Structure formats: C-alpha cells, structure tokens
PDB file of N, CA and C in Angstrom:
ATOM      1  N   MET A   1     -27.195  -4.548  22.425  1.00  0.00           N
ATOM      2  CA  MET A   1     -26.528  -3.859  21.190  1.00  0.00           C
ATOM      3  C   MET A   1     -25.798  -4.074  20.710  1.00  0.00           C
ATOM      4  N   ARG A   2     -25.801  -4.253  19.376  1.00  0.00           N
ATOM      5  CA  ARG A   2     -24.550  -4.668  18.522  1.00  0.00           C
ATOM      6  C   ARG A   2     -23.425  -3.746  17.923  1.00  0.00           C
ATOM      7  N   GLN A   3     -21.877  -4.297  18.114  1.00  0.00           N
ATOM      8  CA  GLN A   3     -21.178  -4.059  17.645  1.00  0.00           C
ATOM      9  C   GLN A   3     -20.978  -4.131  16.697  1.00  0.00           C
ATOM     10  N   HIS A   4     -20.365  -2.557  15.708  1.00  0.00           N
ATOM     11  CA  HIS A   4     -19.895  -2.425  13.947  1.00  0.00           C
ATOM     12  C   HIS A   4     -18.264  -2.811  14.111  1.00  0.00           C
ATOM     13  N   ARG A   5     -17.628  -3.692  13.272  1.00  0.00           N
ATOM     14  CA  ARG A   5     -16.236  -3.327  13.566  1.00  0.00           C
ATOM     15  C   ARG A   5     -16.155  -1.789  12.194  1.00  0.00           C
ATOM     16  N   ALA A   6     -15.405  -0.981  12.944  1.00  0.00           N
ATOM     17  CA  ALA A   6     -14.393   0.218  12.197  1.00  0.00           C
ATOM     18  C   ALA A   6     -14.043   0.089  10.897  1.00  0.00           C
ATOM     19  N   GLU A   7     -14.350   0.465   9.625  1.00  0.00           N
ATOM     20  CA  GLU A   7     -14.086   0.880   8.557  1.00  0.00           C
ATOM     21  C   GLU A   7     -13.025   0.619   8.339  1.00  0.00           C
ATOM     22  N   VAL A   8     -12.061  -0.317   7.801  1.00  0.00           N
ATOM     23  CA  VAL A   8     -10.589   0.577   6.919  1.00  0.00           C
ATOM     24  C   VAL A   8     -10.486   1.846   6.438  1.00  0.00           C
ATOM     25  N   PRO A   9      -9.370   2.680   6.509  1.00  0.00           N
ATOM     26  CA  PRO A   9      -9.690   4.313   6.272  1.00  0.00           C
ATOM     27  C   PRO A   9      -9.630   4.024   4.825  1.00  0.00           C
ATOM     28  N   GLN A  10      -8.943   2.766   3.968  1.00  0.00           N
ATOM     29  CA  GLN A  10      -9.337   3.680   2.261  1.00  0.00           C
ATOM     30  C   GLN A  10     -10.924   2.751   1.888  1.00  0.00           C
ATOM     31  N   VAL A  11     -11.475   2.106   2.791  1.00  0.00           N
ATOM     32  CA  VAL A  11     -13.193   1.990   2.496  1.00  0.00           C
ATOM     33  C   VAL A  11     -13.556   3.034   2.566  1.00  0.00           C
ATOM     34  N   GLN A  12     -12.724   3.654   4.044  1.00  0.00           N
ATOM     35  CA  GLN A  12     -14.055   5.034   4.083  1.00  0.00           C
ATOM     36  C   GLN A  12     -13.902   5.875   3.098  1.00  0.00           C
ATOM     37  N   ALA A  13     -12.515   5.968   2.541  1.00  0.00           N
ATOM     38  CA  ALA A  13     -12.312   7.453   1.665  1.00  0.00           C
ATOM     39  C   ALA A  13     -12.526   7.096   0.357  1.00  0.00           C
ATOM     40  N   ARG A  14     -12.707   5.635   0.150  1.00  0.00           N
ATOM     41  CA  ARG A  14     -13.047   5.284  -1.444  1.00  0.00           C
ATOM     42  C   ARG A  14     -15.152   5.589  -1.132  1.00  0.00           C
ATOM     43  N   ARG A  15     -15.602   5.384  -0.317  1.00  0.00           N
ATOM     44  CA  ARG A  15     -17.135   5.544  -0.473  1.00  0.00           C
ATOM     45  C   ARG A  15     -17.449   7.213  -1.016  1.00  0.00           C
ATOM     46  N   GLY A  16     -16.419   7.810  -0.338  1.00  0.00           N
ATOM     47  CA  GLY A  16     -15.806   9.587  -0.225  1.00  0.00           C
ATOM     48  C   GLY A  16     -15.439   9.785  -1.535  1.00  0.00           C
ATOM     49  N   GLY A  17     -15.367   8.670  -2.444  1.00  0.00           N
ATOM     50  CA  GLY A  17     -14.904   9.135  -3.347  1.00  0.00           C
ATOM     51  C   GLY A  17     -13.208   9.917  -3.314  1.00  0.00           C
ATOM     52  N   ASP A  18     -12.759   9.649  -2.213  1.00  0.00           N
ATOM     53  CA  ASP A  18     -11.166   9.943  -2.363  1.00  0.00           C
ATOM     54  C   ASP A  18     -10.126   9.273  -2.329  1.00  0.00           C
ATOM     55  N   GLU A  19     -10.526   8.167  -4.260  1.00  0.00           N
ATOM     56  CA  GLU A  19      -9.802   7.927  -4.547  1.00  0.00           C
ATOM     57  C   GLU A  19      -8.052   8.215  -4.079  1.00  0.00           C
ATOM     58  N   VAL A  20      -7.933   9.457  -3.912  1.00  0.00           N
ATOM     59  CA  VAL A  20      -5.907   9.074  -3.661  1.00  0.00           C
ATOM     60  C   VAL A  20      -6.041   9.035  -2.543  1.00  0.00           C
ATOM     61  N   GLY A  21      -6.389   9.410  -1.656  1.00  0.00           N
ATOM     62  CA  GLY A  21      -7.235   9.362  -0.255  1.00  0.00           C
ATOM     63  C   GLY A  21      -7.020   7.758   0.451  1.00  0.00           C
ATOM     64  N   ALA A  22      -7.362   6.853  -0.465  1.00  0.00           N
ATOM     65  CA  ALA A  22      -7.567   5.657  -0.711  1.00  0.00           C
ATOM     66  C   ALA A  22      -6.083   4.613  -1.142  1.00  0.00           C
ATOM     67  N   ALA A  23      -6.273   5.526  -1.601  1.00  0.00           N
ATOM     68  CA  ALA A  23      -4.479   4.709  -2.521  1.00  0.00           C
ATOM     69  C   ALA A  23      -3.552   4.817  -1.237  1.00  0.00           C
ATOM     70  N   ARG A  24      -3.477   5.714  -0.470  1.00  0.00           N
ATOM     71  CA  ARG A  24      -2.595   6.618   0.161  1.00  0.00           C
ATOM     72  C   ARG A  24      -2.379   5.070   1.944  1.00  0.00           C
ATOM     73  N   SER A  25      -3.738   4.954   1.584  1.00  0.00           N
ATOM     74  CA  SER A  25      -4.182   4.920   2.944  1.00  0.00           C
ATOM     75  C   SER A  25      -3.630   2.782   2.965  1.00  0.00           C
ATOM     76  N   ARG A  26      -3.846   2.459   1.180  1.00  0.00           N
ATOM     77  CA  ARG A  26      -3.180   0.975   1.006  1.00  0.00           C
ATOM     78  C   ARG A  26      -1.570   1.069   1.067  1.00  0.00           C
ATOM     79  N   SER A  27      -1.334   2.676   0.783  1.00  0.00           N
ATOM     80  CA  SER A  27       0.152   1.912   0.693  1.00  0.00           C
ATOM     81  C   SER A  27       1.115   1.770   2.028  1.00  0.00           C
ATOM     82  N   ASP A  28       0.320   3.109   3.833  1.00  0.00           N
ATOM     83  CA  ASP A  28       0.611   3.346   4.834  1.00  0.00           C
ATOM     84  C   ASP A  28      -0.158   1.166   5.242  1.00  0.00           C
ATOM     85  N   LEU A  29      -1.290   0.382   4.549  1.00  0.00           N
ATOM     86  CA  LEU A  29      -1.261  -1.195   5.213  1.00  0.00           C
ATOM     87  C   LEU A  29      -0.668  -1.262   4.798  1.00  0.00           C
ATOM     88  N   ALA A  30       0.659  -1.623   3.089  1.00  0.00           N
ATOM     89  CA  ALA A  30       1.548  -1.887   2.677  1.00  0.00           C
ATOM     90  C   ALA A  30       2.689  -1.800   3.427  1.00  0.00           C
ATOM     91  N   TYR A  31       3.176  -0.564   4.556  1.00  0.00           N
ATOM     92  CA  TYR A  31       4.119  -0.668   4.696  1.00  0.00           C
ATOM     93  C   TYR A  31       4.234  -2.109   5.969  1.00  0.00           C
ATOM     94  N   VAL A  32       2.247  -1.607   6.830  1.00  0.00           N
ATOM     95  CA  VAL A  32       2.515  -2.256   8.112  1.00  0.00           C
ATOM     96  C   VAL A  32       2.653  -4.063   7.659  1.00  0.00           C
ATOM     97  N   LEU A  33       1.885  -4.222   6.874  1.00  0.00           N
ATOM     98  CA  LEU A  33       1.931  -6.125   6.307  1.00  0.00           C
ATOM     99  C   LEU A  33       3.388  -6.181   5.887  1.00  0.00           C
ATOM    100  N   SER A  34       4.094  -5.792   5.227  1.00  0.00           N
ATOM    101  CA  SER A  34       5.666  -5.842   5.016  1.00  0.00           C
ATOM    102  C   SER A  34       6.529  -5.695   6.340  1.00  0.00           C
ATOM    103  N   ARG A  35       6.159  -4.812   7.586  1.00  0.00           N
ATOM    104  CA  ARG A  35       6.878  -5.014   8.838  1.00  0.00           C
ATOM    105  C   ARG A  35       6.451  -6.108   9.732  1.00  0.00           C
ATOM    106  N   GLN A  36       5.194  -6.905   9.047  1.00  0.00           N
ATOM    107  CA  GLN A  36       4.542  -7.908  10.122  1.00  0.00           C
ATOM    108  C   GLN A  36       5.084  -8.755   9.060  1.00  0.00           C
ATOM    109  N   GLY A  37       6.370  -8.897   8.302  1.00  0.00           N
ATOM    110  CA  GLY A  37       6.460 -10.457   6.933  1.00  0.00           C
ATOM    111  C   GLY A  37       5.790 -10.306   6.058  1.00  0.00           C
ATOM    112  N   ARG A  38       4.719  -9.985   5.664  1.00  0.00           N
ATOM    113  CA  ARG A  38       3.029 -10.810   4.762  1.00  0.00           C
ATOM    114  C   ARG A  38       4.091  -9.592   3.824  1.00  0.00           C
ATOM    115  N   THR A  39       4.877  -9.887   2.797  1.00  0.00           N
ATOM    116  CA  THR A  39       5.661  -9.599   1.924  1.00  0.00           C
ATOM    117  C   THR A  39       4.140  -9.352   0.543  1.00  0.00           C
ATOM    118  N   GLY A  40       3.810 -10.595   0.042  1.00  0.00           N
ATOM    119  CA  GLY A  40       2.738 -10.354  -0.643  1.00  0.00           C
ATOM    120  C   GLY A  40       1.544 -10.031  -0.345  1.00  0.00           C
ATOM    121  N   PRO A  41       0.609 -10.080   0.635  1.00  0.00           N
ATOM    122  CA  PRO A  41       0.177  -9.803   0.333  1.00  0.00           C
ATOM    123  C   PRO A  41       0.040  -7.627   0.206  1.00  0.00           C
ATOM    124  N   ALA A  42       1.552  -7.207   0.394  1.00  0.00           N
ATOM    125  CA  ALA A  42       1.794  -6.169   1.028  1.00  0.00           C
ATOM    126  C   ALA A  42       2.391  -5.566  -0.269  1.00  0.00           C
ATOM    127  N   LEU A  43       2.851  -6.501  -1.479  1.00  0.00           N
ATOM    128  CA  LEU A  43       2.933  -5.826  -3.112  1.00  0.00           C
ATOM    129  C   LEU A  43       1.556  -5.841  -4.175  1.00  0.00           C
ATOM    130  N   ARG A  44       0.178  -6.843  -2.860  1.00  0.00           N
ATOM    131  CA  ARG A  44      -0.866  -6.595  -3.902  1.00  0.00           C
ATOM    132  C   ARG A  44      -1.282  -5.300  -2.638  1.00  0.00           C
ATOM    133  N   GLN A  45      -1.289  -4.418  -1.804  1.00  0.00           N
ATOM    134  CA  GLN A  45      -2.199  -3.054  -2.173  1.00  0.00           C
ATOM    135  C   GLN A  45      -1.038  -2.413  -2.565  1.00  0.00           C
ATOM    136  N   ILE A  46       0.003  -2.395  -3.077  1.00  0.00           N
ATOM    137  CA  ILE A  46       0.995  -1.534  -3.567  1.00  0.00           C
ATOM    138  C   ILE A  46       0.211  -1.743  -5.320  1.00  0.00           C
ATOM    139  N   GLY A  47       0.480  -2.388  -5.951  1.00  0.00           N
ATOM    140  CA  GLY A  47       0.362  -3.007  -6.878  1.00  0.00           C
ATOM    141  C   GLY A  47      -1.760  -2.147  -7.244  1.00  0.00           C
ATOM    142  N   LEU A  48      -2.343  -2.229  -5.767  1.00  0.00           N
ATOM    143  CA  LEU A  48      -4.173  -1.624  -6.135  1.00  0.00           C
ATOM    144  C   LEU A  48      -3.970   0.055  -6.107  1.00  0.00           C
ATOM    145  N   ALA A  49      -2.895   0.489  -5.238  1.00  0.00           N
ATOM    146  CA  ALA A  49      -2.492   1.930  -5.402  1.00  0.00           C
ATOM    147  C   ALA A  49      -2.213   2.485  -5.880  1.00  0.00           C
ATOM    148  N   ARG A  50      -1.032   2.094  -7.003  1.00  0.00           N
ATOM    149  CA  ARG A  50      -0.172   2.289  -7.719  1.00  0.00           C
ATOM    150  C   ARG A  50      -1.216   3.299  -8.893  1.00  0.00           C
ATOM    151  N   GLN A  51      -2.267   2.748  -9.642  1.00  0.00           N
ATOM    152  CA  GLN A  51      -3.841   3.359 -10.608  1.00  0.00           C
ATOM    153  C   GLN A  51      -3.889   4.878 -10.373  1.00  0.00           C
ATOM    154  N   SER A  52      -3.423   5.137  -8.331  1.00  0.00           N
ATOM    155  CA  SER A  52      -4.375   5.900  -7.992  1.00  0.00           C
ATOM    156  C   SER A  52      -3.107   7.312  -8.026  1.00  0.00           C
ATOM    157  N   LEU A  53      -2.222   7.210  -7.535  1.00  0.00           N
ATOM    158  CA  LEU A  53      -1.473   8.029  -6.957  1.00  0.00           C
ATOM    159  C   LEU A  53      -0.078   8.717  -8.197  1.00  0.00           C
ATOM    160  N   THR A  54       0.357   9.805  -8.348  1.00  0.00           N
ATOM    161  CA  THR A  54       0.981  10.607  -9.177  1.00  0.00           C
ATOM    162  C   THR A  54       2.153  11.564  -8.205  1.00  0.00           C
ATOM    163  N   GLY A  55       3.799  11.875  -8.961  1.00  0.00           N
ATOM    164  CA  GLY A  55       4.187  12.667  -7.993  1.00  0.00           C
ATOM    165  C   GLY A  55       4.638  12.224  -6.851  1.00  0.00           C
ATOM    166  N   ALA A  56       4.634  13.301  -5.929  1.00  0.00           N
ATOM    167  CA  ALA A  56       5.400  12.344  -4.501  1.00  0.00           C
ATOM    168  C   ALA A  56       5.021  11.211  -4.343  1.00  0.00           C
ATOM    169  N   ASP A  57       3.644  11.242  -3.845  1.00  0.00           N
ATOM    170  CA  ASP A  57       3.050  10.049  -3.599  1.00  0.00           C
ATOM    171  C   ASP A  57       2.839   8.821  -4.204  1.00  0.00           C
ATOM    172  N   ALA A  58       3.649   9.132  -5.749  1.00  0.00           N
ATOM    173  CA  ALA A  58       4.059   7.784  -5.993  1.00  0.00           C
ATOM    174  C   ALA A  58       5.337   7.726  -6.001  1.00  0.00           C
ATOM    175  N   GLY A  59       5.903   8.148  -5.911  1.00  0.00           N
ATOM    176  CA  GLY A  59       7.047   7.634  -5.588  1.00  0.00           C
ATOM    177  C   GLY A  59       7.626   7.343  -4.298  1.00  0.00           C
ATOM    178  N   ARG A  60       6.717   7.634  -3.732  1.00  0.00           N
ATOM    179  CA  ARG A  60       7.261   7.234  -1.851  1.00  0.00           C
ATOM    180  C   ARG A  60       6.325   5.213  -2.118  1.00  0.00           C
ATOM    181  N   LEU A  61       5.468   5.857  -2.933  1.00  0.00           N
ATOM    182  CA  LEU A  61       4.871   4.072  -2.967  1.00  0.00           C
ATOM    183  C   LEU A  61       6.235   3.273  -3.958  1.00  0.00           C
ATOM    184  N   GLN A  62       6.365   3.732  -5.514  1.00  0.00           N
ATOM    185  CA  GLN A  62       7.820   3.313  -6.021  1.00  0.00           C
ATOM    186  C   GLN A  62       9.398   2.457  -5.073  1.00  0.00           C
ATOM    187  N   MET A  63       9.020   3.584  -3.686  1.00  0.00           N
ATOM    188  CA  MET A  63      10.152   3.261  -3.204  1.00  0.00           C
ATOM    189  C   MET A  63       9.511   2.129  -1.715  1.00  0.00           C
ATOM    190  N   MET A  64       8.982   2.483  -1.780  1.00  0.00           N
ATOM    191  CA  MET A  64       7.921   1.252  -0.212  1.00  0.00           C
ATOM    192  C   MET A  64       7.842  -0.021  -1.524  1.00  0.00           C
ATOM    193  N   GLN A  65       7.473  -0.075  -2.647  1.00  0.00           N
ATOM    194  CA  GLN A  65       7.851  -1.934  -3.859  1.00  0.00           C
ATOM    195  C   GLN A  65       8.980  -2.112  -3.518  1.00  0.00           C
ATOM    196  N   ALA A  66      10.258  -0.783  -3.530  1.00  0.00           N
ATOM    197  CA  ALA A  66      11.408  -1.609  -3.598  1.00  0.00           C
ATOM    198  C   ALA A  66      12.177  -2.375  -2.092  1.00  0.00           C
ATOM    199  N   LEU A  67      11.452  -1.771  -0.847  1.00  0.00           N
ATOM    200  CA  LEU A  67      11.582  -2.083   0.216  1.00  0.00           C
ATOM    201  C   LEU A  67      11.471  -3.424   0.955  1.00  0.00           C
ATOM    202  N   VAL A  68      10.192  -3.446  -0.020  1.00  0.00           N
ATOM    203  CA  VAL A  68       9.343  -5.084   0.055  1.00  0.00           C
ATOM    204  C   VAL A  68      10.057  -5.786  -0.752  1.00  0.00           C
ATOM    205  N   LEU A  69      10.403  -5.785  -1.887  1.00  0.00           N
ATOM    206  CA  LEU A  69      11.459  -7.173  -2.442  1.00  0.00           C
ATOM    207  C   LEU A  69      12.375  -6.908  -2.211  1.00  0.00           C
ATOM    208  N   LYS A  70      13.000  -5.425  -1.073  1.00  0.00           N
ATOM    209  CA  LYS A  70      14.501  -6.462  -1.081  1.00  0.00           C
ATOM    210  C   LYS A  70      13.926  -7.238   0.016  1.00  0.00           C
ATOM    211  N   VAL A  71      13.505  -6.996   0.484  1.00  0.00           N
ATOM    212  CA  VAL A  71      12.872  -7.523   2.382  1.00  0.00           C
ATOM    213  C   VAL A  71      12.706  -9.441   2.061  1.00  0.00           C
ATOM    214  N   MET A  72      12.621  -8.923   0.924  1.00  0.00           N
ATOM    215  CA  MET A  72      11.694 -11.074   0.105  1.00  0.00           C
ATOM    216  C   MET A  72      13.208 -11.383  -0.884  1.00  0.00           C
ATOM    217  N   GLY A  73      14.327 -10.508  -0.878  1.00  0.00           N
ATOM    218  CA  GLY A  73      15.801 -10.999  -0.880  1.00  0.00           C
ATOM    219  C   GLY A  73      15.609 -10.791  -2.351  1.00  0.00           C
ATOM    220  N   ARG A  74      14.416 -10.782  -3.188  1.00  0.00           N
ATOM    221  CA  ARG A  74      14.777 -10.033  -4.440  1.00  0.00           C
ATOM    222  C   ARG A  74      15.270  -8.288  -4.655  1.00  0.00           C
ATOM    223  N   ARG A  75      16.779  -8.614  -4.310  1.00  0.00           N
ATOM    224  CA  ARG A  75      17.601  -7.030  -4.757  1.00  0.00           C
ATOM    225  C   ARG A  75      17.667  -6.610  -6.217  1.00  0.00           C
ATOM    226  N   LEU A  76      17.430  -7.449  -7.291  1.00  0.00           N
ATOM    227  CA  LEU A  76      18.018  -6.756  -8.562  1.00  0.00           C
ATOM    228  C   LEU A  76      16.337  -5.872  -8.692  1.00  0.00           C
ATOM    229  N   ASP A  77      15.942  -7.224  -8.687  1.00  0.00           N
ATOM    230  CA  ASP A  77      14.069  -6.104  -9.372  1.00  0.00           C
ATOM    231  C   ASP A  77      13.099  -4.800  -7.666  1.00  0.00           C
ATOM    232  N   ALA A  78      13.948  -5.162  -6.909  1.00  0.00           N
ATOM    233  CA  ALA A  78      14.066  -3.956  -5.636  1.00  0.00           C
ATOM    234  C   ALA A  78      15.003  -2.789  -6.500  1.00  0.00           C
ATOM    235  N   LEU A  79      15.902  -2.914  -7.145  1.00  0.00           N
ATOM    236  CA  LEU A  79      17.225  -1.936  -7.510  1.00  0.00           C
ATOM    237  C   LEU A  79      15.953  -1.631  -8.942  1.00  0.00           C
ATOM    238  N   ALA A  80      15.579  -2.028  -9.754  1.00  0.00           N
ATOM    239  CA  ALA A  80      14.830  -1.781 -11.070  1.00  0.00           C
ATOM    240  C   ALA A  80      13.369  -1.303 -10.782  1.00  0.00           C
ATOM    241  N   ALA A  81      13.134  -1.240  -9.729  1.00  0.00           N
ATOM    242  CA  ALA A  81      11.945  -0.260  -8.730  1.00  0.00           C
ATOM    243  C   ALA A  81      11.614   0.690  -8.718  1.00  0.00           C
TER     244      ALA A  81
END
C-alpha cells in the first residue's frame, strides 16, 4: 500500500477556498522557518500571506516580519515594518 504525504495546512485551506486560513498557515510557517534560521524563506511566506490578511491578522503578520528582519540584523527595516 502506497503512503501519501500529508498536505501542508495552507494547501488544504486554499483547496477549500479559505484564503485567510491559508495565509494564517503561511504566517505560522514563517515563524517556524525564522526559528530555524531560514529567514529568506520566512520573508517569502510573509509576502505571500500579506495579500489575504486584514485587521489583527495583518498586524500579527507585520510583527512577524519585524521580528524576522531583526534576526537578520536589519534593525532599521524592522522598525519601519
């Protein structure tokens, strides 16, 4: 019997038409990537999530971007974010 890889949450959400859920999953993934030191991919996920989030979710994402930029040593960019 062939085993299938579990789909990542943002793919499942997008397939179900839940763009906000997919964007929230991207935000969570950005956090994990940044904790692993993979700041470039983290910023890419933040960029992809930005277009679908508003309100508190958008604010949380903006804070995540600032934290990633700070980790990268880009303090002025982090403050501007």
